[in-house]
Amino acid sequence: MLDTAGRHANADHFAGIAAECALKGILHEFLGATPNQRGLLEHPQMSGKKEAGHLPGLWSQLSAVATGRNAAQFAELISAPNPFASWDVAERYSDGTHISDQRSAEHLAAARNIIALYERAKIDGVLS
């Protein structure tokens, strides 16, 4: 709705946050990440800092831990180029004029795909 109302910056921001939530759900519920004392997800195989961060860095963290038999269903997702490479959570503080309708549409589509993958995994019973 935000995107169709011309509020591309808001739509873009929420697309990134929604994608992060689904990716962190995959990390936690499927790939073995656990909350630390501060409530942030950690995994010993994460590259760089061991806490799950924001996109776009979260993408490479997910790639680092998505190994093994059960990670196969996520292979297509993580082998693709990061659709949020141009996204930055700090842009919520910007005036948003640099965020085009095309960019927000691409991020919304990517977020929908990530959320659909997460939901499909839950439906298939892979996630508990």
Foldseek 3Di string as FASTA:
>chain_A
DCLVVVNLQVLQLVLQVLLLVLLVCCCVQFQPWDQDPVGFTADPQFPDDRTQDGPPSNLSRSVRRQDDDLSVLCCVVSVDPRLCNVPDNVCVPPPRPVRDSVNSVSSNVNSVVSNVSSVVCVVVVSGD
